[in-house]
Every structure is written in structure tokens, then in C-alpha cells.
Amino acid sequence: MVDYLQIIPVAEKEAGRVTSPKDRVDLHVSALRRMARNLDSPVLAVSAANRAGYQSKQLDVFKESGGIEYSADIAMVLTPSREASSGAKGEFHTLDLNIIKNRNGERGVVKYKSYPKRAEFVETGKEELAEGA
């Protein structure tokens, strides 16, 4: 699990070939992909969203996204539900997990209620991903 892909430091030996934030993300995405393959294990990386993409559910939502778009097997975006609501006294929030890329399976939206006080997510449904999303 990598908590914030865009801030992983670059090793000294790689510093000369990394000339932009996009180069850094591409380098790390490639390394994470090799790690997943070598360990035969999933690797989860959390990425920042670019400002233009805050409302988007496209692959370009990921900041410095070239390597992410190409290399990720699965890409997901967690957003407030279109039917955004809070339970009584803010007990829960409704969220959509938009599966925008899935190399080996379905794309779609998984709906959740999030209970922050309990750090709990409860699945409440699934739906198809809207075209253009």
C-alpha cells in the first residue's frame, strides 16, 4: 500500500533522469508494477487528483497521470454520491467507488455508506458506470 504516489522520493541513482513530476510518477508506477509482478501480489497506490479532474471520473483525473493510465490494471475514483446525503446528525455519508478501468473485469460504480465515527464502509449497491464517465 502506497499512501500518496506523488510524494515518494526519488532515489539518488534515478535523480538524473527525473526532470518533471510526471517523470517521477511514471518511474514509481513502473517500479510498483514490477513489485506486484515479482511478489505475485496486488499493490495499491493512492494518487492525488488534479484540480481539473475533481468533477471527472476519467483516467485523466489522476495527477501526473500518464503512467497511471497506462500501467494500472484497475483504477478507481472515490467520490461523494450523486445523491449526496448525510444520515441523521452526520452519522454517515454516501460515497461512490467508480471503477473507471479494469483490465480483467467489469467497470462500474459500487455505492457505499461511510460511517466516519466507526471507520466503516457498508456496500449499499452497484450500478453501471455512465458512458463518458
N, C-alpha and C. Protein backbone atom coordinates (compact mmCIF):
# COMPACT_ATOMS: atom_id res chain seq x y z
N MET A 1 0.84 -1.17 0.00
CA MET A 1 0.00 0.00 0.00
C MET A 1 0.89 1.24 0.00
N VAL A 2 0.70 2.10 -0.96
CA VAL A 2 1.40 3.38 -1.04
C VAL A 2 0.36 4.46 -0.82
N ASP A 3 0.57 5.27 0.20
CA ASP A 3 -0.44 6.24 0.60
C ASP A 3 -0.53 7.46 -0.30
N TYR A 4 0.54 7.90 -0.91
CA TYR A 4 0.48 9.12 -1.72
C TYR A 4 1.56 9.04 -2.79
N LEU A 5 1.18 8.57 -3.94
CA LEU A 5 2.10 8.27 -5.03
C LEU A 5 2.97 9.46 -5.43
N GLN A 6 2.39 10.66 -5.46
CA GLN A 6 3.11 11.82 -5.98
C GLN A 6 4.23 12.32 -5.07
N ILE A 7 4.31 11.87 -3.83
CA ILE A 7 5.36 12.39 -2.95
C ILE A 7 6.44 11.37 -2.59
N ILE A 8 6.44 10.22 -3.23
CA ILE A 8 7.51 9.24 -2.99
C ILE A 8 8.81 9.87 -3.47
N PRO A 9 9.84 9.89 -2.63
CA PRO A 9 11.11 10.48 -3.07
C PRO A 9 11.79 9.62 -4.15
N VAL A 10 12.63 10.26 -4.91
CA VAL A 10 13.37 9.59 -5.97
C VAL A 10 14.74 9.20 -5.43
N ALA A 11 15.17 7.97 -5.71
CA ALA A 11 16.49 7.51 -5.29
C ALA A 11 17.57 8.33 -6.00
N GLU A 12 18.69 8.50 -5.34
CA GLU A 12 19.80 9.29 -5.91
C GLU A 12 20.20 8.81 -7.29
N LYS A 13 20.26 7.50 -7.47
CA LYS A 13 20.70 6.96 -8.76
C LYS A 13 19.71 7.27 -9.89
N GLU A 14 18.45 7.58 -9.55
CA GLU A 14 17.43 7.90 -10.56
C GLU A 14 17.26 9.40 -10.76
N ALA A 15 17.82 10.21 -9.88
CA ALA A 15 17.57 11.65 -9.88
C ALA A 15 17.90 12.32 -11.21
N GLY A 16 18.93 11.87 -11.90
CA GLY A 16 19.33 12.50 -13.15
C GLY A 16 18.33 12.34 -14.27
N ARG A 17 17.56 11.25 -14.27
CA ARG A 17 16.61 11.03 -15.36
C ARG A 17 15.20 11.50 -15.03
N VAL A 18 14.99 12.01 -13.84
CA VAL A 18 13.67 12.52 -13.45
C VAL A 18 13.71 14.04 -13.54
N THR A 19 13.07 14.58 -14.57
CA THR A 19 13.13 16.02 -14.79
C THR A 19 11.80 16.73 -14.54
N SER A 20 10.75 15.96 -14.24
CA SER A 20 9.44 16.57 -14.00
C SER A 20 8.64 15.70 -13.04
N PRO A 21 7.58 16.27 -12.45
CA PRO A 21 6.72 15.44 -11.60
C PRO A 21 6.13 14.25 -12.35
N LYS A 22 5.81 14.43 -13.63
CA LYS A 22 5.27 13.32 -14.41
C LYS A 22 6.30 12.19 -14.53
N ASP A 23 7.59 12.56 -14.75
CA ASP A 23 8.65 11.55 -14.83
C ASP A 23 8.74 10.77 -13.52
N ARG A 24 8.60 11.48 -12.39
CA ARG A 24 8.70 10.84 -11.09
C ARG A 24 7.57 9.83 -10.91
N VAL A 25 6.33 10.23 -11.24
CA VAL A 25 5.19 9.33 -11.09
C VAL A 25 5.36 8.13 -12.03
N ASP A 26 5.77 8.37 -13.27
CA ASP A 26 5.97 7.27 -14.22
C ASP A 26 7.01 6.27 -13.70
N LEU A 27 8.09 6.78 -13.14
CA LEU A 27 9.14 5.93 -12.58
C LEU A 27 8.59 5.06 -11.45
N HIS A 28 7.83 5.68 -10.55
CA HIS A 28 7.30 4.94 -9.40
C HIS A 28 6.22 3.95 -9.80
N VAL A 29 5.38 4.33 -10.75
CA VAL A 29 4.34 3.41 -11.21
C VAL A 29 4.98 2.17 -11.83
N SER A 30 6.03 2.36 -12.62
CA SER A 30 6.73 1.21 -13.22
C SER A 30 7.33 0.33 -12.14
N ALA A 31 7.93 0.94 -11.12
CA ALA A 31 8.52 0.16 -10.02
C ALA A 31 7.45 -0.60 -9.25
N LEU A 32 6.31 0.02 -9.02
CA LEU A 32 5.22 -0.66 -8.29
C LEU A 32 4.67 -1.82 -9.12
N ARG A 33 4.59 -1.64 -10.41
CA ARG A 33 4.11 -2.72 -11.29
C ARG A 33 5.08 -3.91 -11.25
N ARG A 34 6.39 -3.63 -11.30
CA ARG A 34 7.39 -4.71 -11.20
C ARG A 34 7.27 -5.40 -9.84
N MET A 35 7.08 -4.62 -8.78
CA MET A 35 6.94 -5.19 -7.44
C MET A 35 5.74 -6.14 -7.38
N ALA A 36 4.61 -5.71 -7.92
CA ALA A 36 3.41 -6.55 -7.91
C ALA A 36 3.66 -7.86 -8.67
N ARG A 37 4.33 -7.76 -9.80
CA ARG A 37 4.62 -8.95 -10.61
C ARG A 37 5.58 -9.88 -9.88
N ASN A 38 6.65 -9.31 -9.29
CA ASN A 38 7.65 -10.13 -8.60
C ASN A 38 7.09 -10.79 -7.35
N LEU A 39 6.22 -10.10 -6.64
CA LEU A 39 5.64 -10.64 -5.41
C LEU A 39 4.37 -11.44 -5.67
N ASP A 40 3.87 -11.40 -6.91
CA ASP A 40 2.60 -12.02 -7.25
C ASP A 40 1.53 -11.58 -6.24
N SER A 41 1.47 -10.26 -6.06
CA SER A 41 0.58 -9.68 -5.06
C SER A 41 0.04 -8.34 -5.55
N PRO A 42 -1.17 -7.99 -5.19
CA PRO A 42 -1.68 -6.66 -5.56
C PRO A 42 -0.89 -5.57 -4.84
N VAL A 43 -0.75 -4.44 -5.50
CA VAL A 43 -0.16 -3.25 -4.91
C VAL A 43 -1.17 -2.14 -5.09
N LEU A 44 -1.52 -1.49 -4.02
CA LEU A 44 -2.50 -0.41 -4.03
C LEU A 44 -1.77 0.90 -3.85
N ALA A 45 -1.99 1.84 -4.77
CA ALA A 45 -1.35 3.16 -4.69
C ALA A 45 -2.45 4.23 -4.70
N VAL A 46 -2.40 5.13 -3.74
CA VAL A 46 -3.35 6.24 -3.68
C VAL A 46 -2.71 7.42 -4.40
N SER A 47 -3.46 8.01 -5.31
CA SER A 47 -2.97 9.12 -6.11
C SER A 47 -3.76 10.38 -5.83
N ALA A 48 -3.09 11.51 -5.97
CA ALA A 48 -3.78 12.79 -5.89
C ALA A 48 -4.58 12.99 -7.18
N ALA A 49 -5.64 13.77 -7.08
CA ALA A 49 -6.42 14.14 -8.26
C ALA A 49 -5.99 15.54 -8.71
N ASN A 50 -5.98 15.76 -10.02
CA ASN A 50 -5.67 17.10 -10.48
C ASN A 50 -6.91 17.98 -10.32
N ARG A 51 -6.72 19.27 -10.23
CA ARG A 51 -7.85 20.18 -9.96
C ARG A 51 -8.91 20.11 -11.03
N ALA A 52 -8.50 20.02 -12.28
CA ALA A 52 -9.47 19.95 -13.37
C ALA A 52 -10.31 18.67 -13.27
N GLY A 53 -9.76 17.67 -12.62
CA GLY A 53 -10.44 16.39 -12.55
C GLY A 53 -11.31 16.18 -11.35
N TYR A 54 -11.45 17.18 -10.49
CA TYR A 54 -12.26 16.99 -9.28
C TYR A 54 -13.67 16.51 -9.60
N GLN A 55 -14.21 16.93 -10.72
CA GLN A 55 -15.57 16.52 -11.09
C GLN A 55 -15.57 15.37 -12.09
N SER A 56 -14.38 14.96 -12.54
CA SER A 56 -14.26 13.94 -13.58
C SER A 56 -14.21 12.54 -13.00
N LYS A 57 -14.63 11.60 -13.82
CA LYS A 57 -14.47 10.20 -13.47
C LYS A 57 -13.78 9.50 -14.64
N GLN A 58 -12.76 10.16 -15.18
CA GLN A 58 -11.97 9.66 -16.28
C GLN A 58 -10.56 9.35 -15.79
N LEU A 59 -9.80 8.62 -16.58
CA LEU A 59 -8.43 8.29 -16.19
C LEU A 59 -7.54 9.52 -16.04
N ASP A 60 -7.88 10.62 -16.71
CA ASP A 60 -7.06 11.81 -16.60
C ASP A 60 -7.25 12.56 -15.28
N VAL A 61 -8.09 12.03 -14.40
CA VAL A 61 -8.30 12.65 -13.09
C VAL A 61 -7.04 12.54 -12.22
N PHE A 62 -6.23 11.53 -12.45
CA PHE A 62 -5.05 11.31 -11.62
C PHE A 62 -3.96 12.31 -11.95
N LYS A 63 -3.41 12.93 -10.93
CA LYS A 63 -2.36 13.93 -11.13
C LYS A 63 -1.12 13.26 -11.74
N GLU A 64 -0.55 13.92 -12.76
CA GLU A 64 0.61 13.37 -13.48
C GLU A 64 0.29 11.96 -13.96
N SER A 65 -0.80 11.81 -14.72
CA SER A 65 -1.45 10.52 -14.89
C SER A 65 -0.94 9.61 -15.99
N GLY A 66 0.00 10.01 -16.81
CA GLY A 66 0.40 9.16 -17.94
C GLY A 66 0.72 7.73 -17.57
N GLY A 67 1.61 7.54 -16.61
CA GLY A 67 1.99 6.20 -16.20
C GLY A 67 0.86 5.44 -15.53
N ILE A 68 0.03 6.15 -14.80
CA ILE A 68 -1.10 5.52 -14.12
C ILE A 68 -2.09 5.00 -15.15
N GLU A 69 -2.42 5.84 -16.14
CA GLU A 69 -3.37 5.44 -17.17
C GLU A 69 -2.90 4.19 -17.90
N TYR A 70 -1.62 4.13 -18.22
CA TYR A 70 -1.08 3.02 -18.99
C TYR A 70 -0.88 1.77 -18.15
N SER A 71 -0.32 1.91 -16.95
CA SER A 71 0.16 0.75 -16.20
C SER A 71 -0.85 0.13 -15.25
N ALA A 72 -1.79 0.90 -14.76
CA ALA A 72 -2.71 0.37 -13.76
C ALA A 72 -3.60 -0.73 -14.35
N ASP A 73 -3.76 -1.82 -13.61
CA ASP A 73 -4.73 -2.84 -14.01
C ASP A 73 -6.14 -2.40 -13.66
N ILE A 74 -6.25 -1.77 -12.50
CA ILE A 74 -7.54 -1.27 -12.04
C ILE A 74 -7.33 0.16 -11.55
N ALA A 75 -8.24 1.05 -11.95
CA ALA A 75 -8.20 2.44 -11.48
C ALA A 75 -9.58 2.79 -10.95
N MET A 76 -9.61 3.37 -9.76
CA MET A 76 -10.87 3.70 -9.10
C MET A 76 -10.82 5.13 -8.57
N VAL A 77 -11.98 5.78 -8.57
CA VAL A 77 -12.10 7.13 -8.04
C VAL A 77 -13.23 7.12 -7.01
N LEU A 78 -12.93 7.54 -5.80
CA LEU A 78 -13.93 7.62 -4.74
C LEU A 78 -14.49 9.04 -4.71
N THR A 79 -15.81 9.17 -4.88
CA THR A 79 -16.46 10.48 -4.93
C THR A 79 -17.70 10.49 -4.04
N PRO A 80 -18.12 11.69 -3.62
CA PRO A 80 -19.41 11.77 -2.95
C PRO A 80 -20.49 11.29 -3.92
N SER A 81 -21.48 10.62 -3.41
CA SER A 81 -22.55 10.11 -4.25
C SER A 81 -23.30 11.26 -4.92
N ARG A 82 -23.81 10.97 -6.13
CA ARG A 82 -24.64 11.98 -6.81
C ARG A 82 -25.84 12.32 -5.94
N GLU A 83 -26.32 11.35 -5.22
CA GLU A 83 -27.43 11.57 -4.29
C GLU A 83 -26.84 11.90 -2.93
N ALA A 84 -25.80 12.74 -2.92
CA ALA A 84 -25.07 13.04 -1.68
C ALA A 84 -26.04 13.33 -0.54
N SER A 85 -25.85 12.59 0.53
CA SER A 85 -26.69 12.81 1.70
C SER A 85 -25.91 12.41 2.94
N SER A 86 -26.37 12.92 4.02
CA SER A 86 -25.81 12.52 5.31
C SER A 86 -26.93 11.96 6.14
N GLY A 87 -26.61 10.98 6.92
CA GLY A 87 -27.61 10.42 7.81
C GLY A 87 -27.90 11.41 8.93
N ALA A 88 -28.75 11.00 9.80
CA ALA A 88 -29.11 11.84 10.93
C ALA A 88 -27.86 12.30 11.67
N LYS A 89 -27.75 13.59 11.86
CA LYS A 89 -26.63 14.19 12.61
C LYS A 89 -25.27 13.82 12.03
N GLY A 90 -25.20 13.65 10.72
CA GLY A 90 -23.92 13.35 10.08
C GLY A 90 -23.38 11.97 10.41
N GLU A 91 -24.27 11.04 10.77
CA GLU A 91 -23.85 9.70 11.15
C GLU A 91 -23.15 8.97 10.00
N PHE A 92 -23.62 9.19 8.77
CA PHE A 92 -22.99 8.55 7.62
C PHE A 92 -23.00 9.50 6.43
N HIS A 93 -22.14 9.16 5.45
CA HIS A 93 -22.09 9.87 4.17
C HIS A 93 -22.25 8.82 3.09
N THR A 94 -22.81 9.22 1.96
CA THR A 94 -22.92 8.28 0.84
C THR A 94 -21.80 8.56 -0.15
N LEU A 95 -21.15 7.49 -0.60
CA LEU A 95 -20.00 7.59 -1.49
C LEU A 95 -20.16 6.63 -2.66
N ASP A 96 -19.53 6.99 -3.78
CA ASP A 96 -19.48 6.11 -4.95
C ASP A 96 -18.02 5.74 -5.22
N LEU A 97 -17.76 4.45 -5.37
CA LEU A 97 -16.45 3.99 -5.79
C LEU A 97 -16.58 3.68 -7.28
N ASN A 98 -16.06 4.58 -8.12
CA ASN A 98 -16.16 4.47 -9.57
C ASN A 98 -14.98 3.67 -10.10
N ILE A 99 -15.26 2.49 -10.62
CA ILE A 99 -14.21 1.64 -11.19
C ILE A 99 -14.12 2.05 -12.66
N ILE A 100 -13.14 2.92 -12.97
CA ILE A 100 -13.06 3.52 -14.29
C ILE A 100 -12.16 2.75 -15.25
N LYS A 101 -11.34 1.85 -14.72
CA LYS A 101 -10.53 0.97 -15.56
C LYS A 101 -10.43 -0.37 -14.85
N ASN A 102 -10.64 -1.43 -15.60
CA ASN A 102 -10.49 -2.77 -15.05
C ASN A 102 -10.05 -3.68 -16.19
N ARG A 103 -8.76 -3.93 -16.25
CA ARG A 103 -8.19 -4.72 -17.34
C ARG A 103 -8.80 -6.12 -17.43
N ASN A 104 -9.17 -6.70 -16.31
CA ASN A 104 -9.60 -8.10 -16.29
C ASN A 104 -11.02 -8.28 -15.80
N GLY A 105 -11.82 -7.25 -15.86
CA GLY A 105 -13.18 -7.41 -15.36
C GLY A 105 -14.07 -6.23 -15.70
N GLU A 106 -15.11 -6.10 -14.93
CA GLU A 106 -16.13 -5.10 -15.20
C GLU A 106 -15.75 -3.73 -14.66
N ARG A 107 -16.29 -2.72 -15.32
CA ARG A 107 -16.25 -1.36 -14.79
C ARG A 107 -17.62 -1.10 -14.19
N GLY A 108 -17.71 -0.16 -13.29
CA GLY A 108 -18.99 0.15 -12.70
C GLY A 108 -18.84 1.04 -11.48
N VAL A 109 -19.93 1.19 -10.75
CA VAL A 109 -19.97 2.02 -9.55
C VAL A 109 -20.45 1.16 -8.39
N VAL A 110 -19.68 1.16 -7.31
CA VAL A 110 -20.10 0.48 -6.08
C VAL A 110 -20.47 1.58 -5.09
N LYS A 111 -21.68 1.49 -4.56
CA LYS A 111 -22.21 2.53 -3.68
C LYS A 111 -21.98 2.12 -2.22
N TYR A 112 -21.61 3.11 -1.41
CA TYR A 112 -21.30 2.85 0.00
C TYR A 112 -21.94 3.89 0.90
N LYS A 113 -22.17 3.48 2.13
CA LYS A 113 -22.39 4.41 3.23
C LYS A 113 -21.12 4.38 4.06
N SER A 114 -20.60 5.54 4.36
CA SER A 114 -19.40 5.66 5.17
C SER A 114 -19.80 6.17 6.55
N TYR A 115 -19.37 5.45 7.58
CA TYR A 115 -19.64 5.82 8.96
C TYR A 115 -18.31 6.26 9.59
N PRO A 116 -17.99 7.55 9.53
CA PRO A 116 -16.68 8.03 9.99
C PRO A 116 -16.36 7.70 11.44
N LYS A 117 -17.33 7.78 12.31
CA LYS A 117 -17.06 7.52 13.74
C LYS A 117 -16.62 6.09 13.99
N ARG A 118 -17.05 5.18 13.11
CA ARG A 118 -16.68 3.76 13.27
C ARG A 118 -15.63 3.32 12.26
N ALA A 119 -15.20 4.24 11.38
CA ALA A 119 -14.26 3.90 10.31
C ALA A 119 -14.77 2.68 9.54
N GLU A 120 -16.05 2.74 9.14
CA GLU A 120 -16.69 1.61 8.49
C GLU A 120 -17.32 2.03 7.17
N PHE A 121 -17.20 1.16 6.17
CA PHE A 121 -17.87 1.34 4.89
C PHE A 121 -18.82 0.16 4.71
N VAL A 122 -20.06 0.45 4.32
CA VAL A 122 -21.05 -0.60 4.09
C VAL A 122 -21.53 -0.47 2.65
N GLU A 123 -21.36 -1.54 1.88
CA GLU A 123 -21.81 -1.53 0.49
C GLU A 123 -23.33 -1.51 0.45
N THR A 124 -23.87 -0.60 -0.38
CA THR A 124 -25.33 -0.47 -0.47
C THR A 124 -25.87 -0.78 -1.85
N GLY A 125 -25.00 -0.96 -2.82
CA GLY A 125 -25.49 -1.28 -4.16
C GLY A 125 -24.42 -1.15 -5.21
N LYS A 126 -24.80 -1.51 -6.44
CA LYS A 126 -23.91 -1.41 -7.59
C LYS A 126 -24.72 -0.90 -8.77
N GLU A 127 -24.02 -0.23 -9.68
CA GLU A 127 -24.67 0.20 -10.92
C GLU A 127 -23.63 0.30 -12.02
N GLU A 128 -24.11 0.44 -13.24
CA GLU A 128 -23.19 0.57 -14.36
C GLU A 128 -22.56 1.95 -14.34
N LEU A 129 -21.36 2.04 -14.85
CA LEU A 129 -20.67 3.31 -14.99
C LEU A 129 -21.29 4.05 -16.17
N ALA A 130 -21.68 5.30 -15.95
CA ALA A 130 -22.30 6.08 -17.02
C ALA A 130 -21.32 6.28 -18.17
N GLU A 131 -21.80 6.24 -19.39
CA GLU A 131 -20.94 6.48 -20.56
C GLU A 131 -20.32 7.87 -20.44
N GLY A 132 -19.07 7.96 -20.85
CA GLY A 132 -18.36 9.23 -20.75
C GLY A 132 -17.81 9.46 -19.35
N ALA A 133 -18.07 8.53 -18.45
CA ALA A 133 -17.57 8.65 -17.08
C ALA A 133 -16.40 7.74 -16.89
